[in-house]
Amino acid sequence: MIKYYVNDTAQANGNHEVHKQDCNLLAFMLSKTDLGNHASCHLAIAEARKIYSQSSACVRCFKKCAVHEM
């Protein structure tokens, strides 16, 4: 299982990106919410959408998940 985070700051389009624990972009976030450990990116995105309805995978760390989002 992998730990995931959602960026609390929305992008210009209103989207909140979900990142894996080893994503290089985490260091640049002003605020993030720990989504806990999940078995897949899809489960992490579902958890993020409980907080921010407009959430999706970071394309840098979830190339496969971003293409096949829920």
C-alpha atoms as a PDB file:
ATOM      1  CA  MET A   1       0.000   0.000   0.000  1.00  0.00           C
ATOM      2  CA  ILE A   2       1.122   3.514  -0.782  1.00  0.00           C
ATOM      3  CA  LYS A   3       0.496   6.776   1.087  1.00  0.00           C
ATOM      4  CA  TYR A   4      -1.317   9.487  -0.879  1.00  0.00           C
ATOM      5  CA  TYR A   5      -1.893  13.212  -0.459  1.00  0.00           C
ATOM      6  CA  VAL A   6      -4.246  15.738  -2.024  1.00  0.00           C
ATOM      7  CA  ASN A   7      -3.121  19.288  -2.681  1.00  0.00           C
ATOM      8  CA  ASP A   8      -5.312  21.686  -0.682  1.00  0.00           C
ATOM      9  CA  THR A   9      -4.631  24.452  -3.191  1.00  0.00           C
ATOM     10  CA  ALA A  10      -6.689  24.056  -6.333  1.00  0.00           C
ATOM     11  CA  GLN A  11      -5.230  24.560  -9.772  1.00  0.00           C
ATOM     12  CA  ALA A  12      -6.582  27.373 -11.970  1.00  0.00           C
ATOM     13  CA  ASN A  13      -9.287  25.016 -13.271  1.00  0.00           C
ATOM     14  CA  GLY A  14     -10.443  24.193  -9.721  1.00  0.00           C
ATOM     15  CA  ASN A  15      -8.895  20.724  -9.654  1.00  0.00           C
ATOM     16  CA  HIS A  16      -7.113  19.326  -6.591  1.00  0.00           C
ATOM     17  CA  GLU A  17      -4.332  16.914  -7.571  1.00  0.00           C
ATOM     18  CA  VAL A  18      -3.708  13.618  -5.776  1.00  0.00           C
ATOM     19  CA  HIS A  19      -0.053  12.622  -5.377  1.00  0.00           C
ATOM     20  CA  LYS A  20       1.876   9.547  -4.242  1.00  0.00           C
ATOM     21  CA  GLN A  21       4.181   9.930  -1.249  1.00  0.00           C
ATOM     22  CA  ASP A  22       7.281   9.958  -3.460  1.00  0.00           C
ATOM     23  CA  CYS A  23       6.087  12.630  -5.931  1.00  0.00           C
ATOM     24  CA  ASN A  24       8.614  15.445  -6.354  1.00  0.00           C
ATOM     25  CA  LEU A  25       5.816  18.024  -6.416  1.00  0.00           C
ATOM     26  CA  LEU A  26       4.914  17.459  -2.749  1.00  0.00           C
ATOM     27  CA  ALA A  27       7.839  19.667  -1.717  1.00  0.00           C
ATOM     28  CA  PHE A  28       6.264  22.635  -3.516  1.00  0.00           C
ATOM     29  CA  MET A  29       2.801  22.388  -1.952  1.00  0.00           C
ATOM     30  CA  LEU A  30       1.846  24.992   0.611  1.00  0.00           C
ATOM     31  CA  SER A  31      -0.770  22.735   2.153  1.00  0.00           C
ATOM     32  CA  LYS A  32      -1.744  19.099   1.613  1.00  0.00           C
ATOM     33  CA  THR A  33      -4.069  16.597   3.240  1.00  0.00           C
ATOM     34  CA  ASP A  34      -2.905  13.080   4.064  1.00  0.00           C
ATOM     35  CA  LEU A  35      -5.299  10.626   2.423  1.00  0.00           C
ATOM     36  CA  GLY A  36      -3.719   7.619   4.129  1.00  0.00           C
ATOM     37  CA  ASN A  37      -2.546   4.371   2.574  1.00  0.00           C
ATOM     38  CA  HIS A  38      -4.447   2.907  -0.357  1.00  0.00           C
ATOM     39  CA  ALA A  39      -4.032  -0.123  -2.595  1.00  0.00           C
ATOM     40  CA  SER A  40      -4.617   1.872  -5.795  1.00  0.00           C
ATOM     41  CA  CYS A  41      -4.662   5.388  -7.166  1.00  0.00           C
ATOM     42  CA  HIS A  42      -8.388   5.008  -7.871  1.00  0.00           C
ATOM     43  CA  LEU A  43      -9.118   4.444  -4.187  1.00  0.00           C
ATOM     44  CA  ALA A  44      -6.978   7.446  -3.238  1.00  0.00           C
ATOM     45  CA  ILE A  45      -8.834   9.666  -5.719  1.00  0.00           C
ATOM     46  CA  ALA A  46     -12.174   8.471  -4.342  1.00  0.00           C
ATOM     47  CA  GLU A  47     -10.993   9.417  -0.842  1.00  0.00           C
ATOM     48  CA  ALA A  48      -9.835  12.849  -2.069  1.00  0.00           C
ATOM     49  CA  ARG A  49     -13.233  13.455  -3.677  1.00  0.00           C
ATOM     50  CA  LYS A  50     -14.837  13.136  -0.238  1.00  0.00           C
ATOM     51  CA  ILE A  51     -12.924  16.337   0.622  1.00  0.00           C
ATOM     52  CA  TYR A  52     -12.695  18.049  -2.772  1.00  0.00           C
ATOM     53  CA  SER A  53     -15.236  16.850  -5.327  1.00  0.00           C
ATOM     54  CA  GLN A  54     -13.018  18.032  -8.157  1.00  0.00           C
ATOM     55  CA  SER A  55      -9.933  15.846  -7.574  1.00  0.00           C
ATOM     56  CA  SER A  56      -7.833  13.846 -10.002  1.00  0.00           C
ATOM     57  CA  ALA A  57      -4.477  12.119 -10.327  1.00  0.00           C
ATOM     58  CA  CYS A  58      -1.227  13.984 -10.765  1.00  0.00           C
ATOM     59  CA  VAL A  59      -0.176  13.110 -14.316  1.00  0.00           C
ATOM     60  CA  ARG A  60       3.491  13.150 -13.301  1.00  0.00           C
ATOM     61  CA  CYS A  61       3.223  10.378 -10.728  1.00  0.00           C
ATOM     62  CA  PHE A  62       0.111   8.564 -11.995  1.00  0.00           C
ATOM     63  CA  LYS A  63       0.439   8.280 -15.756  1.00  0.00           C
ATOM     64  CA  LYS A  64      -1.589   5.069 -15.876  1.00  0.00           C
ATOM     65  CA  CYS A  65      -4.199   6.245 -13.364  1.00  0.00           C
ATOM     66  CA  ALA A  66      -4.672   9.668 -14.962  1.00  0.00           C
ATOM     67  CA  VAL A  67      -5.583   8.023 -18.269  1.00  0.00           C
ATOM     68  CA  HIS A  68      -8.082   5.645 -16.634  1.00  0.00           C
ATOM     69  CA  GLU A  69      -9.594   7.860 -13.944  1.00  0.00           C
ATOM     70  CA  MET A  70     -12.884   7.022 -12.354  1.00  0.00           C
END
